[in-house]
Amino acid sequence: MEATSGVSYKGATSTASQSIDILRLLAFVVLPVILVYAWMYISAPLRSVVLASGKLDPNSPLWVGRKFNSFLPHASNILWLHDVVRYLVLHPDLLASFLWVFTIIEFLTGPWHSPWAFIKT
């Protein structure tokens, strides 16, 4: 009778070892996608606040709120989107507050919505 030990023989691979290798390969392939996805959510608020701070200033020609005017005719009425956009366009002070709150929320929660949240170590 052969005694079995925890030592694997040359040429023989265990299924646990193969699955670990597959997971490492998958992590290596998915890592660039994760980094790009996370960078998108981190860089958007940084561009609005740091690089082009005029995007959140209602008196600046760079103000993001001006895009709402061009978006209004194309906004569909799905989930009352047209009504919300129209209300924000008619109330610029509320629009400025909305843009600041949206930027802060995007900065705080954006990276956690990336595929990193699904990878277990």
PDB file of N, CA and C in Angstrom:
ATOM      1  N   MET A   1       0.828  -1.179   0.000  1.00  0.00           N
ATOM      2  CA  MET A   1       0.000   0.000   0.000  1.00  0.00           C
ATOM      3  C   MET A   1       0.869   1.238   0.000  1.00  0.00           C
ATOM      4  N   GLU A   2       0.375   2.226  -0.685  1.00  0.00           N
ATOM      5  CA  GLU A   2       1.108   3.479  -0.758  1.00  0.00           C
ATOM      6  C   GLU A   2       0.641   4.425   0.329  1.00  0.00           C
ATOM      7  N   ALA A   3       1.583   5.059   0.916  1.00  0.00           N
ATOM      8  CA  ALA A   3       1.250   6.077   1.911  1.00  0.00           C
ATOM      9  C   ALA A   3       1.131   7.417   1.184  1.00  0.00           C
ATOM     10  N   THR A   4       0.093   8.153   1.480  1.00  0.00           N
ATOM     11  CA  THR A   4      -0.083   9.455   0.829  1.00  0.00           C
ATOM     12  C   THR A   4       0.448  10.543   1.744  1.00  0.00           C
ATOM     13  N   SER A   5       1.186  11.400   1.175  1.00  0.00           N
ATOM     14  CA  SER A   5       1.689  12.546   1.934  1.00  0.00           C
ATOM     15  C   SER A   5       1.231  13.824   1.238  1.00  0.00           C
ATOM     16  N   GLY A   6       1.481  14.936   1.841  1.00  0.00           N
ATOM     17  CA  GLY A   6       1.058  16.218   1.289  1.00  0.00           C
ATOM     18  C   GLY A   6       1.964  16.706   0.176  1.00  0.00           C
ATOM     19  N   VAL A   7       2.948  15.908  -0.221  1.00  0.00           N
ATOM     20  CA  VAL A   7       3.897  16.322  -1.237  1.00  0.00           C
ATOM     21  C   VAL A   7       3.368  15.907  -2.598  1.00  0.00           C
ATOM     22  N   SER A   8       3.357  16.821  -3.550  1.00  0.00           N
ATOM     23  CA  SER A   8       2.906  16.475  -4.887  1.00  0.00           C
ATOM     24  C   SER A   8       4.108  16.048  -5.712  1.00  0.00           C
ATOM     25  N   TYR A   9       3.882  15.148  -6.629  1.00  0.00           N
ATOM     26  CA  TYR A   9       4.951  14.625  -7.465  1.00  0.00           C
ATOM     27  C   TYR A   9       5.182  15.537  -8.639  1.00  0.00           C
ATOM     28  N   LYS A  10       6.365  15.426  -9.196  1.00  0.00           N
ATOM     29  CA  LYS A  10       6.730  16.246 -10.343  1.00  0.00           C
ATOM     30  C   LYS A  10       5.786  15.939 -11.498  1.00  0.00           C
ATOM     31  N   GLY A  11       5.236  16.973 -12.086  1.00  0.00           N
ATOM     32  CA  GLY A  11       4.338  16.795 -13.215  1.00  0.00           C
ATOM     33  C   GLY A  11       2.878  16.731 -12.807  1.00  0.00           C
ATOM     34  N   ALA A  12       2.615  16.466 -11.558  1.00  0.00           N
ATOM     35  CA  ALA A  12       1.228  16.405 -11.094  1.00  0.00           C
ATOM     36  C   ALA A  12       0.866  17.751 -10.480  1.00  0.00           C
ATOM     37  N   THR A  13      -0.289  18.284 -10.858  1.00  0.00           N
ATOM     38  CA  THR A  13      -0.748  19.556 -10.297  1.00  0.00           C
ATOM     39  C   THR A  13      -2.096  19.336  -9.639  1.00  0.00           C
ATOM     40  N   SER A  14      -2.285  20.017  -8.546  1.00  0.00           N
ATOM     41  CA  SER A  14      -3.557  19.887  -7.846  1.00  0.00           C
ATOM     42  C   SER A  14      -4.548  20.900  -8.412  1.00  0.00           C
ATOM     43  N   THR A  15      -5.810  20.621  -8.201  1.00  0.00           N
ATOM     44  CA  THR A  15      -6.835  21.541  -8.703  1.00  0.00           C
ATOM     45  C   THR A  15      -6.813  22.860  -7.949  1.00  0.00           C
ATOM     46  N   ALA A  16      -6.421  22.829  -6.664  1.00  0.00           N
ATOM     47  CA  ALA A  16      -6.328  24.071  -5.893  1.00  0.00           C
ATOM     48  C   ALA A  16      -5.238  24.966  -6.471  1.00  0.00           C
ATOM     49  N   SER A  17      -4.128  24.383  -6.856  1.00  0.00           N
ATOM     50  CA  SER A  17      -3.030  25.147  -7.444  1.00  0.00           C
ATOM     51  C   SER A  17      -3.447  25.737  -8.784  1.00  0.00           C
ATOM     52  N   GLN A  18      -4.166  24.978  -9.577  1.00  0.00           N
ATOM     53  CA  GLN A  18      -4.624  25.472 -10.877  1.00  0.00           C
ATOM     54  C   GLN A  18      -5.617  26.621 -10.712  1.00  0.00           C
ATOM     55  N   SER A  19      -6.515  26.499  -9.741  1.00  0.00           N
ATOM     56  CA  SER A  19      -7.497  27.561  -9.550  1.00  0.00           C
ATOM     57  C   SER A  19      -6.835  28.844  -9.058  1.00  0.00           C
ATOM     58  N   ILE A  20      -5.787  28.716  -8.239  1.00  0.00           N
ATOM     59  CA  ILE A  20      -5.065  29.904  -7.778  1.00  0.00           C
ATOM     60  C   ILE A  20      -4.365  30.566  -8.957  1.00  0.00           C
ATOM     61  N   ASP A  21      -3.771  29.771  -9.839  1.00  0.00           N
ATOM     62  CA  ASP A  21      -3.106  30.332 -11.013  1.00  0.00           C
ATOM     63  C   ASP A  21      -4.105  31.036 -11.933  1.00  0.00           C
ATOM     64  N   ILE A  22      -5.279  30.476 -12.097  1.00  0.00           N
ATOM     65  CA  ILE A  22      -6.302  31.095 -12.932  1.00  0.00           C
ATOM     66  C   ILE A  22      -6.768  32.411 -12.314  1.00  0.00           C
ATOM     67  N   LEU A  23      -6.927  32.438 -11.000  1.00  0.00           N
ATOM     68  CA  LEU A  23      -7.341  33.673 -10.337  1.00  0.00           C
ATOM     69  C   LEU A  23      -6.272  34.754 -10.453  1.00  0.00           C
ATOM     70  N   ARG A  24      -5.012  34.355 -10.356  1.00  0.00           N
ATOM     71  CA  ARG A  24      -3.933  35.333 -10.512  1.00  0.00           C
ATOM     72  C   ARG A  24      -3.901  35.888 -11.932  1.00  0.00           C
ATOM     73  N   LEU A  25      -4.090  35.030 -12.905  1.00  0.00           N
ATOM     74  CA  LEU A  25      -4.122  35.477 -14.292  1.00  0.00           C
ATOM     75  C   LEU A  25      -5.311  36.409 -14.529  1.00  0.00           C
ATOM     76  N   LEU A  26      -6.460  36.033 -13.991  1.00  0.00           N
ATOM     77  CA  LEU A  26      -7.646  36.874 -14.134  1.00  0.00           C
ATOM     78  C   LEU A  26      -7.427  38.235 -13.470  1.00  0.00           C
ATOM     79  N   ALA A  27      -6.830  38.254 -12.297  1.00  0.00           N
ATOM     80  CA  ALA A  27      -6.550  39.512 -11.606  1.00  0.00           C
ATOM     81  C   ALA A  27      -5.572  40.361 -12.416  1.00  0.00           C
ATOM     82  N   PHE A  28      -4.590  39.723 -13.031  1.00  0.00           N
ATOM     83  CA  PHE A  28      -3.620  40.447 -13.854  1.00  0.00           C
ATOM     84  C   PHE A  28      -4.283  41.065 -15.086  1.00  0.00           C
ATOM     85  N   VAL A  29      -5.245  40.375 -15.665  1.00  0.00           N
ATOM     86  CA  VAL A  29      -5.934  40.867 -16.847  1.00  0.00           C
ATOM     87  C   VAL A  29      -6.926  41.972 -16.480  1.00  0.00           C
ATOM     88  N   VAL A  30      -7.602  41.844 -15.350  1.00  0.00           N
ATOM     89  CA  VAL A  30      -8.658  42.778 -14.963  1.00  0.00           C
ATOM     90  C   VAL A  30      -8.104  44.036 -14.288  1.00  0.00           C
ATOM     91  N   LEU A  31      -6.885  43.983 -13.785  1.00  0.00           N
ATOM     92  CA  LEU A  31      -6.317  45.119 -13.060  1.00  0.00           C
ATOM     93  C   LEU A  31      -6.311  46.425 -13.868  1.00  0.00           C
ATOM     94  N   PRO A  32      -5.919  46.449 -15.137  1.00  0.00           N
ATOM     95  CA  PRO A  32      -5.986  47.718 -15.881  1.00  0.00           C
ATOM     96  C   PRO A  32      -7.404  48.285 -15.993  1.00  0.00           C
ATOM     97  N   VAL A  33      -8.379  47.419 -16.145  1.00  0.00           N
ATOM     98  CA  VAL A  33      -9.769  47.885 -16.227  1.00  0.00           C
ATOM     99  C   VAL A  33     -10.187  48.509 -14.903  1.00  0.00           C
ATOM    100  N   ILE A  34      -9.804  47.898 -13.821  1.00  0.00           N
ATOM    101  CA  ILE A  34     -10.145  48.418 -12.496  1.00  0.00           C
ATOM    102  C   ILE A  34      -9.508  49.778 -12.273  1.00  0.00           C
ATOM    103  N   LEU A  35      -8.245  49.910 -12.639  1.00  0.00           N
ATOM    104  CA  LEU A  35      -7.547  51.179 -12.439  1.00  0.00           C
ATOM    105  C   LEU A  35      -8.150  52.298 -13.277  1.00  0.00           C
ATOM    106  N   VAL A  36      -8.484  52.014 -14.524  1.00  0.00           N
ATOM    107  CA  VAL A  36      -9.094  53.037 -15.387  1.00  0.00           C
ATOM    108  C   VAL A  36     -10.472  53.424 -14.863  1.00  0.00           C
ATOM    109  N   TYR A  37     -11.262  52.439 -14.461  1.00  0.00           N
ATOM    110  CA  TYR A  37     -12.607  52.698 -13.950  1.00  0.00           C
ATOM    111  C   TYR A  37     -12.557  53.558 -12.692  1.00  0.00           C
ATOM    112  N   ALA A  38     -11.647  53.228 -11.776  1.00  0.00           N
ATOM    113  CA  ALA A  38     -11.523  54.009 -10.546  1.00  0.00           C
ATOM    114  C   ALA A  38     -11.000  55.417 -10.852  1.00  0.00           C
ATOM    115  N   TRP A  39     -10.071  55.529 -11.800  1.00  0.00           N
ATOM    116  CA  TRP A  39      -9.529  56.842 -12.144  1.00  0.00           C
ATOM    117  C   TRP A  39     -10.605  57.758 -12.724  1.00  0.00           C
ATOM    118  N   MET A  40     -11.538  57.209 -13.476  1.00  0.00           N
ATOM    119  CA  MET A  40     -12.612  58.029 -14.035  1.00  0.00           C
ATOM    120  C   MET A  40     -13.411  58.696 -12.930  1.00  0.00           C
ATOM    121  N   TYR A  41     -13.727  57.944 -11.884  1.00  0.00           N
ATOM    122  CA  TYR A  41     -14.536  58.511 -10.809  1.00  0.00           C
ATOM    123  C   TYR A  41     -13.746  59.435  -9.902  1.00  0.00           C
ATOM    124  N   ILE A  42     -12.436  59.245  -9.813  1.00  0.00           N
ATOM    125  CA  ILE A  42     -11.636  60.131  -8.979  1.00  0.00           C
ATOM    126  C   ILE A  42     -11.275  61.399  -9.743  1.00  0.00           C
ATOM    127  N   SER A  43     -10.978  61.277 -11.030  1.00  0.00           N
ATOM    128  CA  SER A  43     -10.499  62.439 -11.785  1.00  0.00           C
ATOM    129  C   SER A  43     -11.609  63.426 -12.144  1.00  0.00           C
ATOM    130  N   ALA A  44     -12.837  62.969 -12.284  1.00  0.00           N
ATOM    131  CA  ALA A  44     -13.924  63.885 -12.649  1.00  0.00           C
ATOM    132  C   ALA A  44     -14.130  64.977 -11.597  1.00  0.00           C
ATOM    133  N   PRO A  45     -14.262  64.650 -10.323  1.00  0.00           N
ATOM    134  CA  PRO A  45     -14.390  65.729  -9.336  1.00  0.00           C
ATOM    135  C   PRO A  45     -13.110  66.557  -9.202  1.00  0.00           C
ATOM    136  N   LEU A  46     -11.954  65.924  -9.377  1.00  0.00           N
ATOM    137  CA  LEU A  46     -10.713  66.692  -9.289  1.00  0.00           C
ATOM    138  C   LEU A  46     -10.618  67.724 -10.404  1.00  0.00           C
ATOM    139  N   ARG A  47     -11.084  67.359 -11.600  1.00  0.00           N
ATOM    140  CA  ARG A  47     -11.095  68.330 -12.693  1.00  0.00           C
ATOM    141  C   ARG A  47     -12.044  69.481 -12.388  1.00  0.00           C
ATOM    142  N   SER A  48     -13.187  69.169 -11.790  1.00  0.00           N
ATOM    143  CA  SER A  48     -14.177  70.213 -11.495  1.00  0.00           C
ATOM    144  C   SER A  48     -13.731  71.139 -10.376  1.00  0.00           C
ATOM    145  N   VAL A  49     -13.033  70.605  -9.397  1.00  0.00           N
ATOM    146  CA  VAL A  49     -12.682  71.399  -8.219  1.00  0.00           C
ATOM    147  C   VAL A  49     -11.290  72.012  -8.333  1.00  0.00           C
ATOM    148  N   VAL A  50     -10.321  71.232  -8.798  1.00  0.00           N
ATOM    149  CA  VAL A  50      -8.931  71.689  -8.762  1.00  0.00           C
ATOM    150  C   VAL A  50      -8.472  72.270 -10.106  1.00  0.00           C
ATOM    151  N   LEU A  51      -8.573  71.496 -11.166  1.00  0.00           N
ATOM    152  CA  LEU A  51      -7.994  71.906 -12.438  1.00  0.00           C
ATOM    153  C   LEU A  51      -8.781  73.019 -13.130  1.00  0.00           C
ATOM    154  N   ALA A  52     -10.087  72.931 -13.108  1.00  0.00           N
ATOM    155  CA  ALA A  52     -10.934  73.950 -13.736  1.00  0.00           C
ATOM    156  C   ALA A  52     -12.006  74.352 -12.737  1.00  0.00           C
ATOM    157  N   SER A  53     -11.583  75.090 -11.730  1.00  0.00           N
ATOM    158  CA  SER A  53     -12.501  75.426 -10.638  1.00  0.00           C
ATOM    159  C   SER A  53     -13.675  76.279 -11.096  1.00  0.00           C
ATOM    160  N   GLY A  54     -13.595  76.866 -12.268  1.00  0.00           N
ATOM    161  CA  GLY A  54     -14.701  77.657 -12.790  1.00  0.00           C
ATOM    162  C   GLY A  54     -15.905  76.819 -13.168  1.00  0.00           C
ATOM    163  N   LYS A  55     -15.740  75.509 -13.251  1.00  0.00           N
ATOM    164  CA  LYS A  55     -16.858  74.644 -13.628  1.00  0.00           C
ATOM    165  C   LYS A  55     -17.960  74.636 -12.567  1.00  0.00           C
ATOM    166  N   LEU A  56     -17.610  74.958 -11.339  1.00  0.00           N
ATOM    167  CA  LEU A  56     -18.611  74.978 -10.271  1.00  0.00           C
ATOM    168  C   LEU A  56     -18.951  76.395  -9.822  1.00  0.00           C
ATOM    169  N   ASP A  57     -18.469  77.383 -10.537  1.00  0.00           N
ATOM    170  CA  ASP A  57     -18.749  78.786 -10.232  1.00  0.00           C
ATOM    171  C   ASP A  57     -19.814  79.306 -11.201  1.00  0.00           C
ATOM    172  N   PRO A  58     -21.006  79.676 -10.708  1.00  0.00           N
ATOM    173  CA  PRO A  58     -22.076  80.122 -11.606  1.00  0.00           C
ATOM    174  C   PRO A  58     -21.745  81.379 -12.405  1.00  0.00           C
ATOM    175  N   ASN A  59     -20.768  82.162 -11.981  1.00  0.00           N
ATOM    176  CA  ASN A  59     -20.403  83.393 -12.690  1.00  0.00           C
ATOM    177  C   ASN A  59     -19.305  83.175 -13.729  1.00  0.00           C
ATOM    178  N   SER A  60     -18.851  81.953 -13.861  1.00  0.00           N
ATOM    179  CA  SER A  60     -17.766  81.645 -14.793  1.00  0.00           C
ATOM    180  C   SER A  60     -18.329  81.154 -16.129  1.00  0.00           C
ATOM    181  N   PRO A  61     -17.641  81.445 -17.228  1.00  0.00           N
ATOM    182  CA  PRO A  61     -18.102  80.907 -18.519  1.00  0.00           C
ATOM    183  C   PRO A  61     -17.909  79.400 -18.632  1.00  0.00           C
ATOM    184  N   LEU A  62     -17.133  78.811 -17.726  1.00  0.00           N
ATOM    185  CA  LEU A  62     -16.908  77.361 -17.737  1.00  0.00           C
ATOM    186  C   LEU A  62     -17.964  76.587 -16.945  1.00  0.00           C
ATOM    187  N   TRP A  63     -18.907  77.268 -16.347  1.00  0.00           N
ATOM    188  CA  TRP A  63     -19.859  76.646 -15.433  1.00  0.00           C
ATOM    189  C   TRP A  63     -20.579  75.471 -16.084  1.00  0.00           C
ATOM    190  N   VAL A  64     -20.605  74.345 -15.386  1.00  0.00           N
ATOM    191  CA  VAL A  64     -21.241  73.131 -15.888  1.00  0.00           C
ATOM    192  C   VAL A  64     -22.749  73.305 -16.012  1.00  0.00           C
ATOM    193  N   GLY A  65     -23.318  74.201 -15.240  1.00  0.00           N
ATOM    194  CA  GLY A  65     -24.757  74.428 -15.286  1.00  0.00           C
ATOM    195  C   GLY A  65     -25.254  74.910 -16.641  1.00  0.00           C
ATOM    196  N   ARG A  66     -24.374  75.502 -17.435  1.00  0.00           N
ATOM    197  CA  ARG A  66     -24.772  75.946 -18.783  1.00  0.00           C
ATOM    198  C   ARG A  66     -25.099  74.753 -19.682  1.00  0.00           C
ATOM    199  N   LYS A  67     -24.500  73.615 -19.394  1.00  0.00           N
ATOM    200  CA  LYS A  67     -24.785  72.416 -20.186  1.00  0.00           C
ATOM    201  C   LYS A  67     -26.219  71.932 -19.951  1.00  0.00           C
ATOM    202  N   PHE A  68     -26.774  72.260 -18.802  1.00  0.00           N
ATOM    203  CA  PHE A  68     -28.152  71.870 -18.527  1.00  0.00           C
ATOM    204  C   PHE A  68     -29.104  72.550 -19.501  1.00  0.00           C
ATOM    205  N   ASN A  69     -28.807  73.786 -19.900  1.00  0.00           N
ATOM    206  CA  ASN A  69     -29.656  74.486 -20.870  1.00  0.00           C
ATOM    207  C   ASN A  69     -29.678  73.765 -22.206  1.00  0.00           C
ATOM    208  N   SER A  70     -28.531  73.264 -22.647  1.00  0.00           N
ATOM    209  CA  SER A  70     -28.497  72.556 -23.924  1.00  0.00           C
ATOM    210  C   SER A  70     -29.061  71.144 -23.795  1.00  0.00           C
ATOM    211  N   PHE A  71     -29.061  70.600 -22.589  1.00  0.00           N
ATOM    212  CA  PHE A  71     -29.581  69.252 -22.391  1.00  0.00           C
ATOM    213  C   PHE A  71     -31.099  69.237 -22.237  1.00  0.00           C
ATOM    214  N   LEU A  72     -31.663  70.334 -21.828  1.00  0.00           N
ATOM    215  CA  LEU A  72     -33.101  70.393 -21.535  1.00  0.00           C
ATOM    216  C   LEU A  72     -33.986  69.937 -22.688  1.00  0.00           C
ATOM    217  N   PRO A  73     -33.788  70.382 -23.934  1.00  0.00           N
ATOM    218  CA  PRO A  73     -34.687  69.920 -25.000  1.00  0.00           C
ATOM    219  C   PRO A  73     -34.570  68.425 -25.297  1.00  0.00           C
ATOM    220  N   HIS A  74     -33.427  67.834 -24.950  1.00  0.00           N
ATOM    221  CA  HIS A  74     -33.196  66.428 -25.270  1.00  0.00           C
ATOM    222  C   HIS A  74     -33.494  65.497 -24.104  1.00  0.00           C
ATOM    223  N   ALA A  75     -33.849  66.041 -22.967  1.00  0.00           N
ATOM    224  CA  ALA A  75     -34.118  65.209 -21.797  1.00  0.00           C
ATOM    225  C   ALA A  75     -35.450  64.482 -21.978  1.00  0.00           C
ATOM    226  N   SER A  76     -35.403  63.192 -21.818  1.00  0.00           N
ATOM    227  CA  SER A  76     -36.646  62.430 -21.944  1.00  0.00           C
ATOM    228  C   SER A  76     -37.427  62.526 -20.638  1.00  0.00           C
ATOM    229  N   ASN A  77     -38.657  62.116 -20.675  1.00  0.00           N
ATOM    230  CA  ASN A  77     -39.489  62.192 -19.483  1.00  0.00           C
ATOM    231  C   ASN A  77     -39.456  60.879 -18.698  1.00  0.00           C
ATOM    232  N   ILE A  78     -38.444  60.069 -18.925  1.00  0.00           N
ATOM    233  CA  ILE A  78     -38.278  58.839 -18.149  1.00  0.00           C
ATOM    234  C   ILE A  78     -37.857  59.234 -16.738  1.00  0.00           C
ATOM    235  N   LEU A  79     -38.559  58.748 -15.762  1.00  0.00           N
ATOM    236  CA  LEU A  79     -38.316  59.063 -14.348  1.00  0.00           C
ATOM    237  C   LEU A  79     -38.360  60.568 -14.086  1.00  0.00           C
ATOM    238  N   TRP A  80     -39.187  61.275 -14.815  1.00  0.00           N
ATOM    239  CA  TRP A  80     -39.382  62.706 -14.639  1.00  0.00           C
ATOM    240  C   TRP A  80     -38.091  63.489 -14.805  1.00  0.00           C
ATOM    241  N   LEU A  81     -37.177  63.012 -15.638  1.00  0.00           N
ATOM    242  CA  LEU A  81     -35.895  63.678 -15.844  1.00  0.00           C
ATOM    243  C   LEU A  81     -36.082  65.071 -16.448  1.00  0.00           C
ATOM    244  N   HIS A  82     -36.984  65.202 -17.402  1.00  0.00           N
ATOM    245  CA  HIS A  82     -37.219  66.492 -18.042  1.00  0.00           C
ATOM    246  C   HIS A  82     -37.693  67.520 -17.018  1.00  0.00           C
ATOM    247  N   ASP A  83     -38.584  67.121 -16.135  1.00  0.00           N
ATOM    248  CA  ASP A  83     -39.106  68.048 -15.128  1.00  0.00           C
ATOM    249  C   ASP A  83     -38.018  68.473 -14.140  1.00  0.00           C
ATOM    250  N   VAL A  84     -37.168  67.537 -13.750  1.00  0.00           N
ATOM    251  CA  VAL A  84     -36.090  67.855 -12.808  1.00  0.00           C
ATOM    252  C   VAL A  84     -35.088  68.814 -13.454  1.00  0.00           C
ATOM    253  N   VAL A  85     -34.697  68.534 -14.687  1.00  0.00           N
ATOM    254  CA  VAL A  85     -33.735  69.405 -15.381  1.00  0.00           C
ATOM    255  C   VAL A  85     -34.336  70.788 -15.585  1.00  0.00           C
ATOM    256  N   ARG A  86     -35.603  70.853 -15.969  1.00  0.00           N
ATOM    257  CA  ARG A  86     -36.252  72.155 -16.176  1.00  0.00           C
ATOM    258  C   ARG A  86     -36.313  72.946 -14.869  1.00  0.00           C
ATOM    259  N   TYR A  87     -36.641  72.272 -13.768  1.00  0.00           N
ATOM    260  CA  TYR A  87     -36.703  72.943 -12.468  1.00  0.00           C
ATOM    261  C   TYR A  87     -35.328  73.479 -12.065  1.00  0.00           C
ATOM    262  N   LEU A  88     -34.290  72.696 -12.299  1.00  0.00           N
ATOM    263  CA  LEU A  88     -32.941  73.143 -11.952  1.00  0.00           C
ATOM    264  C   LEU A  88     -32.489  74.302 -12.832  1.00  0.00           C
ATOM    265  N   VAL A  89     -32.867  74.298 -14.101  1.00  0.00           N
ATOM    266  CA  VAL A  89     -32.504  75.401 -14.991  1.00  0.00           C
ATOM    267  C   VAL A  89     -33.213  76.682 -14.568  1.00  0.00           C
ATOM    268  N   LEU A  90     -34.449  76.586 -14.128  1.00  0.00           N
ATOM    269  CA  LEU A  90     -35.209  77.764 -13.705  1.00  0.00           C
ATOM    270  C   LEU A  90     -34.762  78.306 -12.351  1.00  0.00           C
ATOM    271  N   HIS A  91     -34.032  77.496 -11.572  1.00  0.00           N
ATOM    272  CA  HIS A  91     -33.552  77.910 -10.244  1.00  0.00           C
ATOM    273  C   HIS A  91     -32.036  77.724 -10.202  1.00  0.00           C
ATOM    274  N   PRO A  92     -31.270  78.706 -10.711  1.00  0.00           N
ATOM    275  CA  PRO A  92     -29.813  78.551 -10.813  1.00  0.00           C
ATOM    276  C   PRO A  92     -29.106  78.367  -9.471  1.00  0.00           C
ATOM    277  N   ASP A  93     -29.639  78.963  -8.397  1.00  0.00           N
ATOM    278  CA  ASP A  93     -29.006  78.773  -7.091  1.00  0.00           C
ATOM    279  C   ASP A  93     -29.102  77.315  -6.653  1.00  0.00           C
ATOM    280  N   LEU A  94     -30.258  76.732  -6.890  1.00  0.00           N
ATOM    281  CA  LEU A  94     -30.437  75.322  -6.554  1.00  0.00           C
ATOM    282  C   LEU A  94     -29.581  74.433  -7.462  1.00  0.00           C
ATOM    283  N   LEU A  95     -29.437  74.833  -8.717  1.00  0.00           N
ATOM    284  CA  LEU A  95     -28.585  74.083  -9.649  1.00  0.00           C
ATOM    285  C   LEU A  95     -27.136  74.107  -9.189  1.00  0.00           C
ATOM    286  N   ALA A  96     -26.651  75.261  -8.729  1.00  0.00           N
ATOM    287  CA  ALA A  96     -25.273  75.355  -8.242  1.00  0.00           C
ATOM    288  C   ALA A  96     -25.070  74.461  -7.025  1.00  0.00           C
ATOM    289  N   SER A  97     -26.030  74.456  -6.120  1.00  0.00           N
ATOM    290  CA  SER A  97     -25.938  73.577  -4.944  1.00  0.00           C
ATOM    291  C   SER A  97     -25.976  72.116  -5.355  1.00  0.00           C
ATOM    292  N   PHE A  98     -26.850  71.786  -6.293  1.00  0.00           N
ATOM    293  CA  PHE A  98     -26.944  70.419  -6.776  1.00  0.00           C
ATOM    294  C   PHE A  98     -25.623  69.950  -7.381  1.00  0.00           C
ATOM    295  N   LEU A  99     -24.976  70.814  -8.161  1.00  0.00           N
ATOM    296  CA  LEU A  99     -23.704  70.439  -8.786  1.00  0.00           C
ATOM    297  C   LEU A  99     -22.608  70.221  -7.749  1.00  0.00           C
ATOM    298  N   TRP A 100     -22.571  71.035  -6.713  1.00  0.00           N
ATOM    299  CA  TRP A 100     -21.586  70.835  -5.649  1.00  0.00           C
ATOM    300  C   TRP A 100     -21.847  69.528  -4.910  1.00  0.00           C
ATOM    301  N   VAL A 101     -23.098  69.276  -4.558  1.00  0.00           N
ATOM    302  CA  VAL A 101     -23.425  68.037  -3.841  1.00  0.00           C
ATOM    303  C   VAL A 101     -23.122  66.825  -4.704  1.00  0.00           C
ATOM    304  N   PHE A 102     -23.468  66.879  -5.987  1.00  0.00           N
ATOM    305  CA  PHE A 102     -23.193  65.773  -6.891  1.00  0.00           C
ATOM    306  C   PHE A 102     -21.693  65.518  -7.016  1.00  0.00           C
ATOM    307  N   THR A 103     -20.894  66.579  -7.102  1.00  0.00           N
ATOM    308  CA  THR A 103     -19.443  66.440  -7.211  1.00  0.00           C
ATOM    309  C   THR A 103     -18.856  65.805  -5.959  1.00  0.00           C
ATOM    310  N   ILE A 104     -19.318  66.223  -4.801  1.00  0.00           N
ATOM    311  CA  ILE A 104     -18.819  65.651  -3.544  1.00  0.00           C
ATOM    312  C   ILE A 104     -19.207  64.186  -3.425  1.00  0.00           C
ATOM    313  N   ILE A 105     -20.457  63.865  -3.751  1.00  0.00           N
ATOM    314  CA  ILE A 105     -20.896  62.473  -3.682  1.00  0.00           C
ATOM    315  C   ILE A 105     -20.124  61.618  -4.676  1.00  0.00           C
ATOM    316  N   GLU A 106     -19.895  62.137  -5.869  1.00  0.00           N
ATOM    317  CA  GLU A 106     -19.138  61.390  -6.874  1.00  0.00           C
ATOM    318  C   GLU A 106     -17.714  61.126  -6.399  1.00  0.00           C
ATOM    319  N   PHE A 107     -17.107  62.101  -5.730  1.00  0.00           N
ATOM    320  CA  PHE A 107     -15.748  61.932  -5.241  1.00  0.00           C
ATOM    321  C   PHE A 107     -15.684  60.927  -4.095  1.00  0.00           C
ATOM    322  N   LEU A 108     -16.669  60.958  -3.200  1.00  0.00           N
ATOM    323  CA  LEU A 108     -16.642  60.073  -2.042  1.00  0.00           C
ATOM    324  C   LEU A 108     -17.036  58.640  -2.360  1.00  0.00           C
ATOM    325  N   THR A 109     -18.000  58.461  -3.228  1.00  0.00           N
ATOM    326  CA  THR A 109     -18.513  57.112  -3.471  1.00  0.00           C
ATOM    327  C   THR A 109     -18.068  56.505  -4.785  1.00  0.00           C
ATOM    328  N   GLY A 110     -17.533  57.276  -5.683  1.00  0.00           N
ATOM    329  CA  GLY A 110     -17.159  56.764  -6.997  1.00  0.00           C
ATOM    330  C   GLY A 110     -16.208  55.593  -6.985  1.00  0.00           C
ATOM    331  N   PRO A 111     -15.064  55.688  -6.292  1.00  0.00           N
ATOM    332  CA  PRO A 111     -14.134  54.560  -6.314  1.00  0.00           C
ATOM    333  C   PRO A 111     -14.711  53.283  -5.713  1.00  0.00           C
ATOM    334  N   TRP A 112     -15.659  53.381  -4.818  1.00  0.00           N
ATOM    335  CA  TRP A 112     -16.225  52.179  -4.196  1.00  0.00           C
ATOM    336  C   TRP A 112     -17.214  51.488  -5.121  1.00  0.00           C
ATOM    337  N   HIS A 113     -17.609  52.144  -6.194  1.00  0.00           N
ATOM    338  CA  HIS A 113     -18.490  51.506  -7.167  1.00  0.00           C
ATOM    339  C   HIS A 113     -17.713  50.807  -8.258  1.00  0.00           C
ATOM    340  N   SER A 114     -16.409  50.847  -8.150  1.00  0.00           N
ATOM    341  CA  SER A 114     -15.581  50.198  -9.156  1.00  0.00           C
ATOM    342  C   SER A 114     -15.577  48.689  -8.928  1.00  0.00           C
ATOM    343  N   PRO A 115     -15.064  47.939  -9.868  1.00  0.00           N
ATOM    344  CA  PRO A 115     -14.993  46.480  -9.694  1.00  0.00           C
ATOM    345  C   PRO A 115     -14.145  46.055  -8.512  1.00  0.00           C
ATOM    346  N   TRP A 116     -13.365  46.980  -7.897  1.00  0.00           N
ATOM    347  CA  TRP A 116     -12.599  46.636  -6.718  1.00  0.00           C
ATOM    348  C   TRP A 116     -13.487  46.108  -5.610  1.00  0.00           C
ATOM    349  N   ALA A 117     -14.701  46.583  -5.549  1.00  0.00           N
ATOM    350  CA  ALA A 117     -15.596  46.180  -4.480  1.00  0.00           C
ATOM    351  C   ALA A 117     -15.951  44.694  -4.577  1.00  0.00           C
ATOM    352  N   PHE A 118     -15.781  44.105  -5.746  1.00  0.00           N
ATOM    353  CA  PHE A 118     -16.169  42.712  -5.940  1.00  0.00           C
ATOM    354  C   PHE A 118     -14.993  41.747  -5.845  1.00  0.00           C
ATOM    355  N   ILE A 119     -13.790  42.263  -5.738  1.00  0.00           N
ATOM    356  CA  ILE A 119     -12.622  41.389  -5.679  1.00  0.00           C
ATOM    357  C   ILE A 119     -12.296  41.107  -4.226  1.00  0.00           C
ATOM    358  N   LYS A 120     -12.264  39.865  -3.877  1.00  0.00           N
ATOM    359  CA  LYS A 120     -11.933  39.431  -2.522  1.00  0.00           C
ATOM    360  C   LYS A 120     -10.461  39.050  -2.490  1.00  0.00           C
ATOM    361  N   THR A 121      -9.786  39.449  -1.423  1.00  0.00           N
ATOM    362  CA  THR A 121      -8.378  39.064  -1.317  1.00  0.00           C
ATOM    363  C   THR A 121      -8.224  37.853  -0.447  1.00  0.00           C
TER     364      THR A 121
END
